[in-house]
Amino acid sequence: MVTIRTERLVLRRWRPSDIEPFLVLNNDPRVLEFLPGPLDRERCEAFVARAEATFDARGFGRWAVEVRADGDSSTAECIGFVGIDAPAIETAFTPCVEIGWRLSAEHWGRGYATEAARAALAFGFETVGLEEIVSFTVPANLRSRAVMERIGMQRDLEGDFDHPSLPSGHPLRAHVLYRARP
């Protein structure tokens, strides 16, 4: 079982009790600003099941994130996810491993995404032995782009792309690509 502890956070495997807070954050308009739409309970459960299957198959994936409490962390609430995974899209830069995150809006502005993403990136390079990790988002998502830059990722101007899962003309179709190497 892969658990990562940082100064303030725990990145851990998913629990059934994580579904409810994950459902709430995936229906918060602030969180959805740069996502194609909300996730209902069934899609949240499918996300968690895929994350767990990825851990079982590859030894890495998207961890549930909780804020560290003194003592027992088994009762701490999930505030979102951070992790590395192979995206299920076909583009010029796939196959690849992507780092991504989604935290509840109540936990933004505290450096949690950066702290957790640094730990996930280090795990990908140092433990898994990956040669490159990418990240992507819509150009207007300045908060996520700032996290990418704070964790040392570099913008690949030649790699910007239209997300193949979104139809032509969709306002979130254009994406910027960032890359990191050890």
N, C-alpha and C. Protein backbone atom coordinates (compact mmCIF):
# COMPACT_ATOMS: atom_id res chain seq x y z
N MET A 1 0.85 -1.18 0.00
CA MET A 1 0.00 0.00 0.00
C MET A 1 0.89 1.24 0.00
N VAL A 2 0.74 2.08 -0.98
CA VAL A 2 1.58 3.25 -1.14
C VAL A 2 0.93 4.46 -0.47
N THR A 3 1.56 4.93 0.60
CA THR A 3 1.11 6.13 1.29
C THR A 3 2.28 7.09 1.34
N ILE A 4 2.02 8.35 1.04
CA ILE A 4 3.05 9.38 1.08
C ILE A 4 2.63 10.40 2.12
N ARG A 5 3.56 10.72 2.99
CA ARG A 5 3.31 11.75 4.01
C ARG A 5 4.21 12.94 3.70
N THR A 6 3.61 14.11 3.65
CA THR A 6 4.38 15.34 3.52
C THR A 6 4.26 16.08 4.85
N GLU A 7 4.78 17.28 4.88
CA GLU A 7 4.73 18.03 6.13
C GLU A 7 3.31 18.20 6.65
N ARG A 8 2.35 18.46 5.74
CA ARG A 8 0.98 18.76 6.17
C ARG A 8 -0.07 17.81 5.63
N LEU A 9 0.30 16.90 4.75
CA LEU A 9 -0.69 16.09 4.04
C LEU A 9 -0.37 14.61 4.09
N VAL A 10 -1.40 13.81 3.81
CA VAL A 10 -1.24 12.38 3.58
C VAL A 10 -1.86 12.08 2.22
N LEU A 11 -1.08 11.46 1.35
CA LEU A 11 -1.57 10.96 0.07
C LEU A 11 -1.71 9.45 0.26
N ARG A 12 -2.93 8.95 0.13
CA ARG A 12 -3.19 7.56 0.49
C ARG A 12 -4.18 6.94 -0.48
N ARG A 13 -4.34 5.63 -0.35
CA ARG A 13 -5.33 4.91 -1.13
C ARG A 13 -6.73 5.35 -0.69
N TRP A 14 -7.69 5.09 -1.54
CA TRP A 14 -9.07 5.53 -1.31
C TRP A 14 -9.81 4.62 -0.34
N ARG A 15 -10.75 5.23 0.38
CA ARG A 15 -11.64 4.52 1.31
C ARG A 15 -13.09 4.76 0.89
N PRO A 16 -14.00 3.87 1.26
CA PRO A 16 -15.41 4.12 0.95
C PRO A 16 -15.91 5.46 1.51
N SER A 17 -15.38 5.88 2.65
CA SER A 17 -15.82 7.15 3.25
C SER A 17 -15.37 8.38 2.45
N ASP A 18 -14.51 8.19 1.46
CA ASP A 18 -14.05 9.31 0.63
C ASP A 18 -15.06 9.71 -0.43
N ILE A 19 -15.99 8.84 -0.75
CA ILE A 19 -16.93 9.10 -1.85
C ILE A 19 -17.75 10.36 -1.59
N GLU A 20 -18.30 10.51 -0.40
CA GLU A 20 -19.17 11.66 -0.13
C GLU A 20 -18.44 13.00 -0.28
N PRO A 21 -17.28 13.22 0.37
CA PRO A 21 -16.59 14.50 0.16
C PRO A 21 -16.11 14.67 -1.28
N PHE A 22 -15.76 13.57 -1.96
CA PHE A 22 -15.33 13.66 -3.36
C PHE A 22 -16.50 14.06 -4.24
N LEU A 23 -17.69 13.54 -3.94
CA LEU A 23 -18.90 13.91 -4.66
C LEU A 23 -19.19 15.40 -4.48
N VAL A 24 -19.08 15.90 -3.26
CA VAL A 24 -19.34 17.31 -2.99
C VAL A 24 -18.38 18.20 -3.78
N LEU A 25 -17.09 17.90 -3.76
CA LEU A 25 -16.15 18.77 -4.47
C LEU A 25 -16.34 18.69 -5.97
N ASN A 26 -16.77 17.55 -6.49
CA ASN A 26 -16.99 17.40 -7.93
C ASN A 26 -18.31 18.00 -8.40
N ASN A 27 -19.02 18.65 -7.50
CA ASN A 27 -20.25 19.35 -7.86
C ASN A 27 -20.21 20.81 -7.41
N ASP A 28 -19.05 21.27 -6.99
CA ASP A 28 -18.85 22.65 -6.58
C ASP A 28 -18.54 23.49 -7.82
N PRO A 29 -19.34 24.52 -8.12
CA PRO A 29 -19.09 25.34 -9.31
C PRO A 29 -17.68 25.94 -9.37
N ARG A 30 -17.08 26.22 -8.22
CA ARG A 30 -15.71 26.76 -8.22
C ARG A 30 -14.72 25.72 -8.73
N VAL A 31 -14.89 24.50 -8.33
CA VAL A 31 -14.01 23.41 -8.78
C VAL A 31 -14.26 23.10 -10.25
N LEU A 32 -15.49 23.23 -10.69
CA LEU A 32 -15.88 22.87 -12.06
C LEU A 32 -15.55 23.93 -13.10
N GLU A 33 -15.05 25.07 -12.69
CA GLU A 33 -14.81 26.18 -13.63
C GLU A 33 -14.06 25.74 -14.88
N PHE A 34 -13.07 24.88 -14.76
CA PHE A 34 -12.27 24.47 -15.91
C PHE A 34 -12.42 22.98 -16.22
N LEU A 35 -13.52 22.39 -15.78
CA LEU A 35 -13.83 20.99 -16.06
C LEU A 35 -15.10 20.92 -16.89
N PRO A 36 -15.27 19.87 -17.68
CA PRO A 36 -16.44 19.80 -18.56
C PRO A 36 -17.77 19.64 -17.87
N GLY A 37 -17.79 19.22 -16.61
CA GLY A 37 -19.07 19.08 -15.93
C GLY A 37 -18.94 18.36 -14.61
N PRO A 38 -20.03 18.31 -13.85
CA PRO A 38 -20.00 17.65 -12.53
C PRO A 38 -19.92 16.13 -12.67
N LEU A 39 -19.59 15.49 -11.57
CA LEU A 39 -19.61 14.03 -11.49
C LEU A 39 -20.68 13.61 -10.50
N ASP A 40 -21.57 12.73 -10.93
CA ASP A 40 -22.58 12.21 -10.01
C ASP A 40 -21.94 11.09 -9.17
N ARG A 41 -22.69 10.54 -8.27
CA ARG A 41 -22.15 9.50 -7.37
C ARG A 41 -21.57 8.33 -8.16
N GLU A 42 -22.28 7.87 -9.17
CA GLU A 42 -21.82 6.73 -9.96
C GLU A 42 -20.46 7.02 -10.61
N ARG A 43 -20.30 8.22 -11.15
CA ARG A 43 -19.03 8.58 -11.80
C ARG A 43 -17.92 8.79 -10.76
N CYS A 44 -18.25 9.30 -9.58
CA CYS A 44 -17.24 9.41 -8.52
C CYS A 44 -16.78 8.03 -8.08
N GLU A 45 -17.72 7.12 -7.92
CA GLU A 45 -17.36 5.75 -7.53
C GLU A 45 -16.51 5.09 -8.61
N ALA A 46 -16.84 5.34 -9.89
CA ALA A 46 -16.06 4.77 -10.99
C ALA A 46 -14.65 5.37 -11.01
N PHE A 47 -14.52 6.66 -10.73
CA PHE A 47 -13.20 7.31 -10.65
C PHE A 47 -12.35 6.63 -9.58
N VAL A 48 -12.93 6.45 -8.41
CA VAL A 48 -12.21 5.82 -7.29
C VAL A 48 -11.84 4.38 -7.64
N ALA A 49 -12.75 3.64 -8.25
CA ALA A 49 -12.46 2.26 -8.64
C ALA A 49 -11.32 2.20 -9.64
N ARG A 50 -11.31 3.12 -10.61
CA ARG A 50 -10.20 3.18 -11.58
C ARG A 50 -8.89 3.52 -10.90
N ALA A 51 -8.94 4.48 -9.97
CA ALA A 51 -7.73 4.86 -9.24
C ALA A 51 -7.16 3.67 -8.48
N GLU A 52 -8.02 2.94 -7.81
CA GLU A 52 -7.58 1.77 -7.05
C GLU A 52 -7.03 0.68 -7.98
N ALA A 53 -7.69 0.47 -9.12
CA ALA A 53 -7.21 -0.54 -10.08
C ALA A 53 -5.85 -0.15 -10.65
N THR A 54 -5.64 1.14 -10.86
CA THR A 54 -4.35 1.61 -11.36
C THR A 54 -3.25 1.35 -10.34
N PHE A 55 -3.52 1.62 -9.07
CA PHE A 55 -2.54 1.31 -8.02
C PHE A 55 -2.21 -0.19 -8.03
N ASP A 56 -3.23 -1.02 -8.12
CA ASP A 56 -3.01 -2.46 -8.10
C ASP A 56 -2.21 -2.92 -9.32
N ALA A 57 -2.45 -2.32 -10.48
CA ALA A 57 -1.79 -2.75 -11.71
C ALA A 57 -0.40 -2.14 -11.90
N ARG A 58 -0.23 -0.86 -11.50
CA ARG A 58 1.02 -0.16 -11.82
C ARG A 58 1.84 0.26 -10.60
N GLY A 59 1.22 0.26 -9.43
CA GLY A 59 1.94 0.70 -8.24
C GLY A 59 1.93 2.20 -8.03
N PHE A 60 1.19 2.90 -8.86
CA PHE A 60 1.00 4.33 -8.69
C PHE A 60 -0.37 4.70 -9.22
N GLY A 61 -0.80 5.93 -8.92
CA GLY A 61 -2.11 6.36 -9.38
C GLY A 61 -2.49 7.68 -8.75
N ARG A 62 -3.78 7.89 -8.61
CA ARG A 62 -4.30 9.13 -8.03
C ARG A 62 -4.66 8.87 -6.58
N TRP A 63 -3.89 9.47 -5.69
CA TRP A 63 -4.10 9.30 -4.26
C TRP A 63 -5.22 10.20 -3.75
N ALA A 64 -5.98 9.71 -2.79
CA ALA A 64 -6.86 10.58 -2.00
C ALA A 64 -5.93 11.41 -1.12
N VAL A 65 -6.28 12.67 -0.90
CA VAL A 65 -5.45 13.57 -0.09
C VAL A 65 -6.25 13.98 1.14
N GLU A 66 -5.55 13.96 2.27
CA GLU A 66 -6.15 14.46 3.51
C GLU A 66 -5.14 15.35 4.20
N VAL A 67 -5.64 16.27 5.00
CA VAL A 67 -4.77 17.12 5.81
C VAL A 67 -4.36 16.31 7.03
N ARG A 68 -3.07 16.30 7.31
CA ARG A 68 -2.56 15.53 8.46
C ARG A 68 -3.11 16.09 9.76
N ALA A 69 -3.51 15.17 10.59
CA ALA A 69 -3.95 15.53 11.94
C ALA A 69 -2.95 14.90 12.90
N ASP A 70 -2.86 15.42 14.07
CA ASP A 70 -2.00 14.78 15.07
C ASP A 70 -2.60 13.42 15.40
N GLY A 71 -1.76 12.42 15.31
CA GLY A 71 -2.20 11.08 15.66
C GLY A 71 -2.84 10.34 14.51
N ASP A 72 -4.01 9.75 14.74
CA ASP A 72 -4.66 8.85 13.82
C ASP A 72 -5.23 9.59 12.61
N SER A 73 -4.78 9.18 11.40
CA SER A 73 -5.31 9.81 10.19
C SER A 73 -6.46 9.01 9.59
N SER A 74 -6.85 7.92 10.22
CA SER A 74 -7.90 7.08 9.64
C SER A 74 -9.27 7.73 9.66
N THR A 75 -9.41 8.84 10.38
CA THR A 75 -10.71 9.52 10.42
C THR A 75 -10.68 10.85 9.67
N ALA A 76 -9.55 11.21 9.09
CA ALA A 76 -9.45 12.49 8.38
C ALA A 76 -10.24 12.43 7.07
N GLU A 77 -10.82 13.55 6.70
CA GLU A 77 -11.65 13.61 5.50
C GLU A 77 -10.80 13.87 4.26
N CYS A 78 -11.18 13.22 3.19
CA CYS A 78 -10.57 13.42 1.88
C CYS A 78 -10.87 14.84 1.40
N ILE A 79 -9.83 15.56 0.96
CA ILE A 79 -10.02 16.92 0.43
C ILE A 79 -9.85 16.96 -1.08
N GLY A 80 -9.65 15.79 -1.70
CA GLY A 80 -9.49 15.72 -3.14
C GLY A 80 -8.48 14.66 -3.52
N PHE A 81 -7.87 14.84 -4.70
CA PHE A 81 -6.86 13.88 -5.14
C PHE A 81 -5.67 14.60 -5.74
N VAL A 82 -4.54 13.92 -5.72
CA VAL A 82 -3.33 14.31 -6.44
C VAL A 82 -2.68 13.00 -6.86
N GLY A 83 -2.17 12.95 -8.07
CA GLY A 83 -1.49 11.72 -8.45
C GLY A 83 -1.02 11.69 -9.87
N ILE A 84 -0.45 10.54 -10.22
CA ILE A 84 0.08 10.31 -11.56
C ILE A 84 -0.65 9.12 -12.17
N ASP A 85 -0.94 9.24 -13.45
CA ASP A 85 -1.69 8.19 -14.14
C ASP A 85 -1.49 8.38 -15.64
N ALA A 86 -1.74 7.33 -16.39
CA ALA A 86 -1.70 7.40 -17.85
C ALA A 86 -3.06 7.91 -18.33
N PRO A 87 -3.10 9.06 -19.01
CA PRO A 87 -4.39 9.57 -19.48
C PRO A 87 -4.97 8.66 -20.57
N ALA A 88 -6.28 8.58 -20.58
CA ALA A 88 -6.98 7.71 -21.54
C ALA A 88 -7.39 8.48 -22.79
N ILE A 89 -6.48 9.31 -23.29
CA ILE A 89 -6.74 10.05 -24.52
C ILE A 89 -5.59 9.79 -25.49
N GLU A 90 -5.85 10.01 -26.76
CA GLU A 90 -4.80 9.87 -27.77
C GLU A 90 -4.44 11.26 -28.29
N THR A 91 -3.17 11.61 -28.11
CA THR A 91 -2.64 12.88 -28.61
C THR A 91 -1.23 12.62 -29.13
N ALA A 92 -0.59 13.66 -29.62
CA ALA A 92 0.78 13.54 -30.12
C ALA A 92 1.76 13.13 -29.04
N PHE A 93 1.46 13.42 -27.75
CA PHE A 93 2.41 13.13 -26.68
C PHE A 93 2.05 11.88 -25.87
N THR A 94 1.00 11.17 -26.25
CA THR A 94 0.66 9.93 -25.56
C THR A 94 1.22 8.75 -26.34
N PRO A 95 1.50 7.64 -25.67
CA PRO A 95 1.28 7.36 -24.25
C PRO A 95 2.26 8.14 -23.37
N CYS A 96 1.80 8.41 -22.16
CA CYS A 96 2.60 9.19 -21.23
C CYS A 96 2.04 8.97 -19.82
N VAL A 97 2.67 9.59 -18.85
CA VAL A 97 2.13 9.63 -17.50
C VAL A 97 1.89 11.09 -17.17
N GLU A 98 0.70 11.36 -16.67
CA GLU A 98 0.27 12.73 -16.35
C GLU A 98 0.16 12.88 -14.84
N ILE A 99 0.52 14.06 -14.35
CA ILE A 99 0.25 14.42 -12.97
C ILE A 99 -0.94 15.36 -12.95
N GLY A 100 -1.84 15.14 -12.00
CA GLY A 100 -3.02 16.00 -11.91
C GLY A 100 -3.49 16.11 -10.48
N TRP A 101 -4.39 17.05 -10.26
CA TRP A 101 -4.91 17.30 -8.92
C TRP A 101 -6.29 17.92 -9.01
N ARG A 102 -7.04 17.73 -7.95
CA ARG A 102 -8.35 18.38 -7.79
C ARG A 102 -8.63 18.40 -6.30
N LEU A 103 -8.65 19.59 -5.74
CA LEU A 103 -8.90 19.74 -4.31
C LEU A 103 -10.16 20.56 -4.09
N SER A 104 -10.80 20.36 -2.95
CA SER A 104 -11.98 21.15 -2.62
C SER A 104 -11.58 22.63 -2.52
N ALA A 105 -12.47 23.49 -2.96
CA ALA A 105 -12.18 24.93 -3.00
C ALA A 105 -11.86 25.48 -1.62
N GLU A 106 -12.40 24.89 -0.58
CA GLU A 106 -12.13 25.35 0.79
C GLU A 106 -10.65 25.17 1.16
N HIS A 107 -9.94 24.36 0.40
CA HIS A 107 -8.53 24.09 0.70
C HIS A 107 -7.58 24.74 -0.30
N TRP A 108 -8.09 25.59 -1.17
CA TRP A 108 -7.23 26.31 -2.10
C TRP A 108 -6.47 27.41 -1.37
N GLY A 109 -5.39 27.85 -1.97
CA GLY A 109 -4.65 28.99 -1.46
C GLY A 109 -3.78 28.69 -0.25
N ARG A 110 -3.59 27.42 0.07
CA ARG A 110 -2.78 27.04 1.23
C ARG A 110 -1.50 26.31 0.83
N GLY A 111 -1.30 26.14 -0.48
CA GLY A 111 -0.13 25.43 -0.95
C GLY A 111 -0.26 23.92 -0.94
N TYR A 112 -1.46 23.40 -0.66
CA TYR A 112 -1.64 21.95 -0.58
C TYR A 112 -1.42 21.27 -1.94
N ALA A 113 -1.95 21.84 -3.02
CA ALA A 113 -1.78 21.22 -4.33
C ALA A 113 -0.30 21.14 -4.69
N THR A 114 0.44 22.21 -4.44
CA THR A 114 1.87 22.22 -4.74
C THR A 114 2.61 21.20 -3.89
N GLU A 115 2.32 21.17 -2.60
CA GLU A 115 2.98 20.25 -1.68
C GLU A 115 2.73 18.80 -2.09
N ALA A 116 1.49 18.47 -2.37
CA ALA A 116 1.15 17.10 -2.75
C ALA A 116 1.70 16.76 -4.14
N ALA A 117 1.63 17.70 -5.07
CA ALA A 117 2.13 17.45 -6.42
C ALA A 117 3.64 17.24 -6.41
N ARG A 118 4.37 17.99 -5.61
CA ARG A 118 5.82 17.77 -5.50
C ARG A 118 6.11 16.35 -5.02
N ALA A 119 5.35 15.89 -4.04
CA ALA A 119 5.54 14.55 -3.51
C ALA A 119 5.20 13.49 -4.57
N ALA A 120 4.12 13.69 -5.31
CA ALA A 120 3.72 12.74 -6.35
C ALA A 120 4.74 12.72 -7.49
N LEU A 121 5.24 13.88 -7.86
CA LEU A 121 6.26 13.98 -8.90
C LEU A 121 7.53 13.25 -8.46
N ALA A 122 7.97 13.49 -7.23
CA ALA A 122 9.15 12.81 -6.71
C ALA A 122 8.94 11.30 -6.70
N PHE A 123 7.76 10.84 -6.30
CA PHE A 123 7.46 9.42 -6.30
C PHE A 123 7.59 8.86 -7.72
N GLY A 124 7.02 9.57 -8.69
CA GLY A 124 7.08 9.11 -10.07
C GLY A 124 8.50 8.97 -10.59
N PHE A 125 9.34 9.93 -10.27
CA PHE A 125 10.71 9.88 -10.75
C PHE A 125 11.60 8.95 -9.92
N GLU A 126 11.52 9.08 -8.60
CA GLU A 126 12.46 8.37 -7.73
C GLU A 126 12.06 6.93 -7.44
N THR A 127 10.78 6.66 -7.28
CA THR A 127 10.33 5.31 -6.94
C THR A 127 9.93 4.52 -8.17
N VAL A 128 9.12 5.12 -9.03
CA VAL A 128 8.65 4.42 -10.22
C VAL A 128 9.72 4.40 -11.31
N GLY A 129 10.55 5.45 -11.36
CA GLY A 129 11.60 5.52 -12.37
C GLY A 129 11.15 6.09 -13.70
N LEU A 130 10.12 6.92 -13.67
CA LEU A 130 9.64 7.53 -14.91
C LEU A 130 10.67 8.51 -15.47
N GLU A 131 10.71 8.61 -16.78
CA GLU A 131 11.65 9.52 -17.45
C GLU A 131 11.02 10.88 -17.73
N GLU A 132 9.69 10.92 -17.74
CA GLU A 132 8.99 12.19 -17.99
C GLU A 132 7.59 12.10 -17.41
N ILE A 133 7.09 13.22 -16.93
CA ILE A 133 5.71 13.34 -16.47
C ILE A 133 5.17 14.62 -17.09
N VAL A 134 3.96 14.57 -17.61
CA VAL A 134 3.34 15.73 -18.22
C VAL A 134 2.16 16.20 -17.38
N SER A 135 1.70 17.40 -17.67
CA SER A 135 0.46 17.91 -17.09
C SER A 135 -0.15 18.84 -18.11
N PHE A 136 -1.47 18.96 -18.09
CA PHE A 136 -2.13 19.85 -19.04
C PHE A 136 -3.41 20.39 -18.44
N THR A 137 -3.79 21.55 -18.95
CA THR A 137 -5.02 22.21 -18.51
C THR A 137 -5.42 23.22 -19.57
N VAL A 138 -6.54 23.87 -19.37
CA VAL A 138 -6.95 24.94 -20.27
C VAL A 138 -6.09 26.17 -20.00
N PRO A 139 -5.84 27.00 -21.00
CA PRO A 139 -4.97 28.17 -20.81
C PRO A 139 -5.41 29.10 -19.68
N ALA A 140 -6.71 29.24 -19.46
CA ALA A 140 -7.22 30.17 -18.45
C ALA A 140 -7.09 29.66 -17.01
N ASN A 141 -6.73 28.40 -16.82
CA ASN A 141 -6.63 27.84 -15.48
C ASN A 141 -5.28 28.23 -14.86
N LEU A 142 -5.19 29.47 -14.47
CA LEU A 142 -3.93 30.02 -13.98
C LEU A 142 -3.50 29.40 -12.66
N ARG A 143 -4.44 28.99 -11.82
CA ARG A 143 -4.06 28.35 -10.55
C ARG A 143 -3.32 27.03 -10.81
N SER A 144 -3.85 26.19 -11.67
CA SER A 144 -3.17 24.93 -11.96
C SER A 144 -1.86 25.15 -12.71
N ARG A 145 -1.84 26.10 -13.60
CA ARG A 145 -0.60 26.39 -14.32
C ARG A 145 0.48 26.88 -13.34
N ALA A 146 0.07 27.65 -12.34
CA ALA A 146 1.04 28.12 -11.33
C ALA A 146 1.59 26.94 -10.53
N VAL A 147 0.74 25.96 -10.21
CA VAL A 147 1.23 24.76 -9.51
C VAL A 147 2.24 24.04 -10.40
N MET A 148 1.92 23.88 -11.67
CA MET A 148 2.84 23.21 -12.59
C MET A 148 4.21 23.89 -12.57
N GLU A 149 4.19 25.20 -12.61
CA GLU A 149 5.45 25.94 -12.63
C GLU A 149 6.17 25.86 -11.29
N ARG A 150 5.43 25.90 -10.18
CA ARG A 150 6.06 25.80 -8.86
C ARG A 150 6.72 24.45 -8.62
N ILE A 151 6.21 23.39 -9.25
CA ILE A 151 6.81 22.07 -9.06
C ILE A 151 7.89 21.79 -10.10
N GLY A 152 8.23 22.80 -10.89
CA GLY A 152 9.35 22.68 -11.82
C GLY A 152 9.02 22.22 -13.21
N MET A 153 7.76 22.20 -13.58
CA MET A 153 7.39 21.80 -14.93
C MET A 153 7.62 22.97 -15.88
N GLN A 154 7.92 22.61 -17.12
CA GLN A 154 8.19 23.61 -18.15
C GLN A 154 7.11 23.53 -19.22
N ARG A 155 6.65 24.68 -19.65
CA ARG A 155 5.63 24.75 -20.71
C ARG A 155 6.24 24.28 -22.02
N ASP A 156 5.55 23.41 -22.72
CA ASP A 156 5.94 22.94 -24.04
C ASP A 156 5.05 23.66 -25.05
N LEU A 157 5.55 24.77 -25.58
CA LEU A 157 4.75 25.59 -26.49
C LEU A 157 4.35 24.83 -27.76
N GLU A 158 5.18 23.89 -28.17
CA GLU A 158 4.87 23.10 -29.36
C GLU A 158 3.86 21.99 -29.06
N GLY A 159 3.63 21.73 -27.78
CA GLY A 159 2.77 20.63 -27.38
C GLY A 159 1.32 20.99 -27.12
N ASP A 160 0.97 22.29 -27.14
CA ASP A 160 -0.42 22.68 -26.90
C ASP A 160 -1.33 21.92 -27.87
N PHE A 161 -2.53 21.58 -27.40
CA PHE A 161 -3.39 20.70 -28.19
C PHE A 161 -4.85 20.95 -27.88
N ASP A 162 -5.70 20.44 -28.74
CA ASP A 162 -7.14 20.43 -28.51
C ASP A 162 -7.49 19.09 -27.87
N HIS A 163 -8.17 19.14 -26.72
CA HIS A 163 -8.50 17.91 -25.99
C HIS A 163 -9.44 17.07 -26.84
N PRO A 164 -9.05 15.82 -27.15
CA PRO A 164 -9.86 15.01 -28.06
C PRO A 164 -11.20 14.55 -27.48
N SER A 165 -11.40 14.67 -26.17
CA SER A 165 -12.68 14.25 -25.58
C SER A 165 -13.74 15.34 -25.64
N LEU A 166 -13.34 16.53 -26.06
CA LEU A 166 -14.28 17.65 -26.12
C LEU A 166 -14.54 18.03 -27.58
N PRO A 167 -15.78 18.37 -27.92
CA PRO A 167 -16.12 18.66 -29.32
C PRO A 167 -15.51 19.98 -29.80
N SER A 168 -15.35 20.06 -31.07
CA SER A 168 -14.85 21.29 -31.69
C SER A 168 -15.74 22.46 -31.28
N GLY A 169 -15.13 23.58 -30.92
CA GLY A 169 -15.87 24.75 -30.49
C GLY A 169 -16.15 24.80 -29.00
N HIS A 170 -15.89 23.72 -28.27
CA HIS A 170 -16.11 23.71 -26.82
C HIS A 170 -15.14 24.70 -26.17
N PRO A 171 -15.61 25.52 -25.22
CA PRO A 171 -14.75 26.54 -24.63
C PRO A 171 -13.56 25.98 -23.83
N LEU A 172 -13.59 24.71 -23.47
CA LEU A 172 -12.48 24.11 -22.71
C LEU A 172 -11.62 23.17 -23.57
N ARG A 173 -11.80 23.20 -24.88
CA ARG A 173 -11.09 22.25 -25.73
C ARG A 173 -9.59 22.54 -25.83
N ALA A 174 -9.20 23.80 -25.95
CA ALA A 174 -7.78 24.14 -26.08
C ALA A 174 -7.05 23.88 -24.76
N HIS A 175 -5.90 23.23 -24.84
CA HIS A 175 -5.10 22.89 -23.65
C HIS A 175 -3.64 23.28 -23.85
N VAL A 176 -3.00 23.64 -22.74
CA VAL A 176 -1.56 23.88 -22.72
C VAL A 176 -0.89 22.66 -22.08
N LEU A 177 0.32 22.37 -22.53
CA LEU A 177 1.04 21.19 -22.08
C LEU A 177 2.30 21.61 -21.33
N TYR A 178 2.53 20.96 -20.21
CA TYR A 178 3.75 21.15 -19.42
C TYR A 178 4.45 19.80 -19.29
N ARG A 179 5.77 19.83 -19.16
CA ARG A 179 6.57 18.61 -19.03
C ARG A 179 7.57 18.75 -17.89
N ALA A 180 7.90 17.62 -17.28
CA ALA A 180 8.96 17.58 -16.27
C ALA A 180 9.77 16.32 -16.47
N ARG A 181 11.05 16.46 -16.22
CA ARG A 181 11.98 15.32 -16.25
C ARG A 181 12.78 15.36 -14.95
N PRO A 182 13.29 14.19 -14.53
CA PRO A 182 14.05 14.17 -13.27
C PRO A 182 15.30 15.05 -13.32
